[in-house]
C-alpha atoms as a PDB file:
ATOM      1  CA  UNK A   1     -37.693 169.765  42.677  1.00  0.00           C
ATOM      2  CA  UNK A   2     -37.185 172.359  45.654  1.00  0.00           C
ATOM      3  CA  UNK A   3     -35.229 172.699  49.153  1.00  0.00           C
ATOM      4  CA  UNK A   4     -33.132 169.378  49.994  1.00  0.00           C
ATOM      5  CA  UNK A   5     -35.541 167.586  46.737  1.00  0.00           C
ATOM      6  CA  UNK A   6     -33.391 165.251  45.334  1.00  0.00           C
ATOM      7  CA  UNK A   7     -34.720 164.818  41.540  1.00  0.00           C
ATOM      8  CA  UNK A   8     -34.143 161.742  39.386  1.00  0.00           C
ATOM      9  CA  UNK A   9     -35.768 162.470  35.808  1.00  0.00           C
ATOM     10  CA  UNK A  10     -35.365 160.050  33.187  1.00  0.00           C
ATOM     11  CA  UNK A  11     -36.542 159.140  29.938  1.00  0.00           C
ATOM     12  CA  UNK A  12     -39.120 162.014  29.732  1.00  0.00           C
ATOM     13  CA  UNK A  13     -40.765 164.020  26.985  1.00  0.00           C
ATOM     14  CA  UNK A  14     -41.188 168.082  28.547  1.00  0.00           C
ATOM     15  CA  UNK A  15     -43.037 169.525  26.015  1.00  0.00           C
ATOM     16  CA  UNK A  16     -44.986 173.160  25.292  1.00  0.00           C
ATOM     17  CA  UNK A  17     -44.662 174.493  29.084  1.00  0.00           C
ATOM     18  CA  UNK A  18     -44.515 177.986  29.396  1.00  0.00           C
ATOM     19  CA  UNK A  19     -41.664 177.986  31.101  1.00  0.00           C
ATOM     20  CA  UNK A  20     -38.902 175.021  32.120  1.00  0.00           C
ATOM     21  CA  UNK A  21     -39.627 171.437  31.194  1.00  0.00           C
ATOM     22  CA  UNK A  22     -37.347 170.386  34.323  1.00  0.00           C
ATOM     23  CA  UNK A  23     -36.144 172.698  37.380  1.00  0.00           C
ATOM     24  CA  UNK A  24     -34.035 172.504  40.323  1.00  0.00           C
ATOM     25  CA  UNK A  25     -34.376 175.356  43.198  1.00  0.00           C
ATOM     26  CA  UNK A  26     -33.266 176.440  45.714  1.00  0.00           C
ATOM     27  CA  UNK A  27     -30.784 173.768  46.675  1.00  0.00           C
ATOM     28  CA  UNK A  28     -32.038 170.943  45.262  1.00  0.00           C
ATOM     29  CA  UNK A  29     -30.151 168.022  43.596  1.00  0.00           C
ATOM     30  CA  UNK A  30     -30.767 165.634  41.034  1.00  0.00           C
ATOM     31  CA  UNK A  31     -30.074 164.333  37.626  1.00  0.00           C
ATOM     32  CA  UNK A  32     -31.843 164.633  34.375  1.00  0.00           C
ATOM     33  CA  UNK A  33     -31.183 161.527  31.941  1.00  0.00           C
ATOM     34  CA  UNK A  34     -32.387 160.701  28.530  1.00  0.00           C
ATOM     35  CA  UNK A  35     -35.089 163.239  28.643  1.00  0.00           C
ATOM     36  CA  UNK A  36     -36.221 165.106  25.500  1.00  0.00           C
ATOM     37  CA  UNK A  37     -36.757 169.114  26.668  1.00  0.00           C
ATOM     38  CA  UNK A  38     -38.380 170.725  23.433  1.00  0.00           C
ATOM     39  CA  UNK A  39     -40.278 173.933  22.347  1.00  0.00           C
ATOM     40  CA  UNK A  40     -40.431 175.354  26.275  1.00  0.00           C
ATOM     41  CA  UNK A  41     -40.841 179.151  26.806  1.00  0.00           C
ATOM     42  CA  UNK A  42     -37.548 179.216  29.174  1.00  0.00           C
ATOM     43  CA  UNK A  43     -35.459 176.596  29.399  1.00  0.00           C
ATOM     44  CA  UNK A  44     -35.706 173.270  29.034  1.00  0.00           C
ATOM     45  CA  UNK A  45     -33.789 171.767  31.891  1.00  0.00           C
ATOM     46  CA  UNK A  46     -32.791 174.752  34.488  1.00  0.00           C
ATOM     47  CA  UNK A  47     -30.985 174.276  38.044  1.00  0.00           C
ATOM     48  CA  UNK A  48     -31.097 177.572  40.496  1.00  0.00           C
ATOM     49  CA  UNK A  49     -28.738 177.651  43.197  1.00  0.00           C
ATOM     50  CA  UNK A  50     -28.812 173.775  42.900  1.00  0.00           C
ATOM     51  CA  UNK A  51     -26.618 170.782  41.719  1.00  0.00           C
ATOM     52  CA  UNK A  52     -27.697 169.197  38.828  1.00  0.00           C
ATOM     53  CA  UNK A  53     -25.973 166.472  36.445  1.00  0.00           C
ATOM     54  CA  UNK A  54     -27.759 166.585  32.937  1.00  0.00           C
ATOM     55  CA  UNK A  55     -26.610 163.615  30.918  1.00  0.00           C
ATOM     56  CA  UNK A  56     -27.696 162.343  27.268  1.00  0.00           C
ATOM     57  CA  UNK A  57     -30.684 164.784  27.368  1.00  0.00           C
ATOM     58  CA  UNK A  58     -31.959 166.468  23.806  1.00  0.00           C
ATOM     59  CA  UNK A  59     -33.253 170.142  24.475  1.00  0.00           C
ATOM     60  CA  UNK A  60     -34.454 171.818  21.341  1.00  0.00           C
ATOM     61  CA  UNK A  61     -36.301 174.555  20.171  1.00  0.00           C
ATOM     62  CA  UNK A  62     -36.290 176.513  24.166  1.00  0.00           C
ATOM     63  CA  UNK A  63     -35.014 179.566  25.104  1.00  0.00           C
ATOM     64  CA  UNK A  64     -31.890 178.064  26.935  1.00  0.00           C
ATOM     65  CA  UNK A  65     -31.613 174.109  26.066  1.00  0.00           C
ATOM     66  CA  UNK A  66     -29.632 173.416  29.704  1.00  0.00           C
ATOM     67  CA  UNK A  67     -28.955 176.818  32.015  1.00  0.00           C
ATOM     68  CA  UNK A  68     -27.260 177.138  35.370  1.00  0.00           C
ATOM     69  CA  UNK A  69     -27.909 180.508  37.546  1.00  0.00           C
ATOM     70  CA  UNK A  70     -27.704 181.729  40.651  1.00  0.00           C
ATOM     71  CA  UNK A  71     -24.322 179.495  42.273  1.00  0.00           C
ATOM     72  CA  UNK A  72     -25.488 176.277  41.058  1.00  0.00           C
ATOM     73  CA  UNK A  73     -23.372 173.528  39.836  1.00  0.00           C
ATOM     74  CA  UNK A  74     -23.584 171.591  37.456  1.00  0.00           C
ATOM     75  CA  UNK A  75     -22.409 168.632  35.293  1.00  0.00           C
ATOM     76  CA  UNK A  76     -23.667 168.200  32.088  1.00  0.00           C
ATOM     77  CA  UNK A  77     -22.677 165.928  29.288  1.00  0.00           C
ATOM     78  CA  UNK A  78     -23.260 164.135  25.946  1.00  0.00           C
ATOM     79  CA  UNK A  79     -26.184 166.333  25.124  1.00  0.00           C
ATOM     80  CA  UNK A  80     -27.713 167.836  21.941  1.00  0.00           C
ATOM     81  CA  UNK A  81     -28.720 171.296  22.338  1.00  0.00           C
ATOM     82  CA  UNK A  82     -30.459 172.337  18.831  1.00  0.00           C
ATOM     83  CA  UNK A  83     -32.055 175.496  17.765  1.00  0.00           C
ATOM     84  CA  UNK A  84     -32.659 177.145  20.766  1.00  0.00           C
ATOM     85  CA  UNK A  85     -30.602 180.921  21.707  1.00  0.00           C
ATOM     86  CA  UNK A  86     -28.384 179.247  23.750  1.00  0.00           C
ATOM     87  CA  UNK A  87     -27.496 176.116  24.299  1.00  0.00           C
ATOM     88  CA  UNK A  88     -25.878 175.550  27.632  1.00  0.00           C
ATOM     89  CA  UNK A  89     -25.604 178.313  29.295  1.00  0.00           C
ATOM     90  CA  UNK A  90     -24.126 179.756  32.693  1.00  0.00           C
ATOM     91  CA  UNK A  91     -24.754 181.872  34.623  1.00  0.00           C
ATOM     92  CA  UNK A  92     -23.174 183.140  38.144  1.00  0.00           C
ATOM     93  CA  UNK A  93     -22.619 179.032  38.435  1.00  0.00           C
ATOM     94  CA  UNK A  94     -19.522 176.632  37.928  1.00  0.00           C
ATOM     95  CA  UNK A  95     -20.183 174.776  34.774  1.00  0.00           C
ATOM     96  CA  UNK A  96     -18.698 171.471  33.513  1.00  0.00           C
ATOM     97  CA  UNK A  97     -19.548 170.688  30.005  1.00  0.00           C
ATOM     98  CA  UNK A  98     -17.791 167.552  28.143  1.00  0.00           C
ATOM     99  CA  UNK A  99     -19.032 165.482  25.298  1.00  0.00           C
ATOM    100  CA  UNK A 100     -22.311 167.710  24.566  1.00  0.00           C
ATOM    101  CA  UNK A 101     -23.015 168.751  20.833  1.00  0.00           C
ATOM    102  CA  UNK A 102     -24.342 172.163  20.181  1.00  0.00           C
ATOM    103  CA  UNK A 103     -25.749 173.033  17.001  1.00  0.00           C
ATOM    104  CA  UNK A 104     -27.642 175.683  15.223  1.00  0.00           C
ATOM    105  CA  UNK A 105     -28.438 177.986  18.693  1.00  0.00           C
ATOM    106  CA  UNK A 106     -28.982 181.656  17.601  1.00  0.00           C
ATOM    107  CA  UNK A 107     -26.386 183.139  19.782  1.00  0.00           C
ATOM    108  CA  UNK A 108     -23.938 181.081  21.903  1.00  0.00           C
ATOM    109  CA  UNK A 109     -23.253 176.965  21.402  1.00  0.00           C
ATOM    110  CA  UNK A 110     -22.066 177.360  25.177  1.00  0.00           C
ATOM    111  CA  UNK A 111     -22.255 181.110  27.242  1.00  0.00           C
ATOM    112  CA  UNK A 112     -21.126 181.515  30.248  1.00  0.00           C
ATOM    113  CA  UNK A 113     -21.672 184.738  31.450  1.00  0.00           C
ATOM    114  CA  UNK A 114     -19.610 187.114  34.261  1.00  0.00           C
ATOM    115  CA  UNK A 115     -18.621 185.269  37.620  1.00  0.00           C
ATOM    116  CA  UNK A 116     -19.079 181.783  35.965  1.00  0.00           C
ATOM    117  CA  UNK A 117     -16.413 178.861  35.979  1.00  0.00           C
ATOM    118  CA  UNK A 118     -15.673 175.111  35.405  1.00  0.00           C
ATOM    119  CA  UNK A 119     -14.502 173.364  32.313  1.00  0.00           C
ATOM    120  CA  UNK A 120     -15.885 173.248  29.204  1.00  0.00           C
ATOM    121  CA  UNK A 121     -14.146 170.084  26.771  1.00  0.00           C
ATOM    122  CA  UNK A 122     -14.537 167.577  24.091  1.00  0.00           C
ATOM    123  CA  UNK A 123     -17.532 169.287  22.897  1.00  0.00           C
ATOM    124  CA  UNK A 124     -18.962 169.799  19.390  1.00  0.00           C
ATOM    125  CA  UNK A 125     -20.048 173.356  18.767  1.00  0.00           C
ATOM    126  CA  UNK A 126     -21.283 174.030  15.587  1.00  0.00           C
ATOM    127  CA  UNK A 127     -23.500 176.627  13.115  1.00  0.00           C
ATOM    128  CA  UNK A 128     -24.413 178.926  16.450  1.00  0.00           C
ATOM    129  CA  UNK A 129     -23.826 182.456  16.055  1.00  0.00           C
ATOM    130  CA  UNK A 130     -20.591 182.171  18.475  1.00  0.00           C
ATOM    131  CA  UNK A 131     -18.903 178.234  19.461  1.00  0.00           C
ATOM    132  CA  UNK A 132     -18.138 178.915  23.244  1.00  0.00           C
ATOM    133  CA  UNK A 133     -18.957 183.319  24.008  1.00  0.00           C
ATOM    134  CA  UNK A 134     -17.546 183.066  27.876  1.00  0.00           C
ATOM    135  CA  UNK A 135     -18.103 187.087  28.903  1.00  0.00           C
ATOM    136  CA  UNK A 136     -15.775 189.099  30.909  1.00  0.00           C
ATOM    137  CA  UNK A 137     -15.120 188.013  34.218  1.00  0.00           C
ATOM    138  CA  UNK A 138     -15.971 184.164  34.004  1.00  0.00           C
ATOM    139  CA  UNK A 139     -13.054 181.794  34.099  1.00  0.00           C
ATOM    140  CA  UNK A 140     -13.644 178.722  32.259  1.00  0.00           C
ATOM    141  CA  UNK A 141     -10.375 176.117  31.744  1.00  0.00           C
ATOM    142  CA  UNK A 142     -11.234 175.568  28.266  1.00  0.00           C
ATOM    143  CA  UNK A 143      -9.691 172.597  25.955  1.00  0.00           C
ATOM    144  CA  UNK A 144     -10.181 170.321  23.535  1.00  0.00           C
ATOM    145  CA  UNK A 145     -13.511 171.324  21.744  1.00  0.00           C
ATOM    146  CA  UNK A 146     -14.336 171.186  18.404  1.00  0.00           C
ATOM    147  CA  UNK A 147     -15.832 174.113  17.274  1.00  0.00           C
ATOM    148  CA  UNK A 148     -16.020 175.671  13.950  1.00  0.00           C
ATOM    149  CA  UNK A 149     -18.523 177.157  11.160  1.00  0.00           C
ATOM    150  CA  UNK A 150     -19.933 179.537  13.864  1.00  0.00           C
ATOM    151  CA  UNK A 151     -20.909 182.967  12.560  1.00  0.00           C
ATOM    152  CA  UNK A 152     -19.750 185.225  14.314  1.00  0.00           C
ATOM    153  CA  UNK A 153     -16.583 183.196  16.308  1.00  0.00           C
ATOM    154  CA  UNK A 154     -15.747 180.103  17.392  1.00  0.00           C
ATOM    155  CA  UNK A 155     -14.227 180.636  20.865  1.00  0.00           C
ATOM    156  CA  UNK A 156     -15.536 184.905  21.474  1.00  0.00           C
ATOM    157  CA  UNK A 157     -13.644 185.893  25.068  1.00  0.00           C
ATOM    158  CA  UNK A 158     -15.616 189.861  26.238  1.00  0.00           C
END
């Protein structure tokens, strides 16, 4: 979806795409609910310069399970993101992440790059390299997460 589009993606299987399973571009708004996004070349679900609500999705074996970039805004709730590079990632974006399970990701369960903000609470991050990784310059509010058994750190601030 692009421009002033309003996307509702519900109950889809997005698998084996060259780039992204579900994408919002250039000021689009949208909801992605109860989708299965697997084995995509880049991301399971992504929002660029857009507003995304992602709830109840399973994103596995993508580069990033759910990605926000370039000043995107996202409410990411109750998703399962496993066996990606990062489960949920925000790049210069505003992320609200609540109730997600991020496990078995090669790098971080939840990753916030520099200049990202938002709230990360009530998530479970386990069996990743890092549970929650916050890059220098990001200012999220982090609390009440269950973060354990991550190989190189549970909550890491760069």
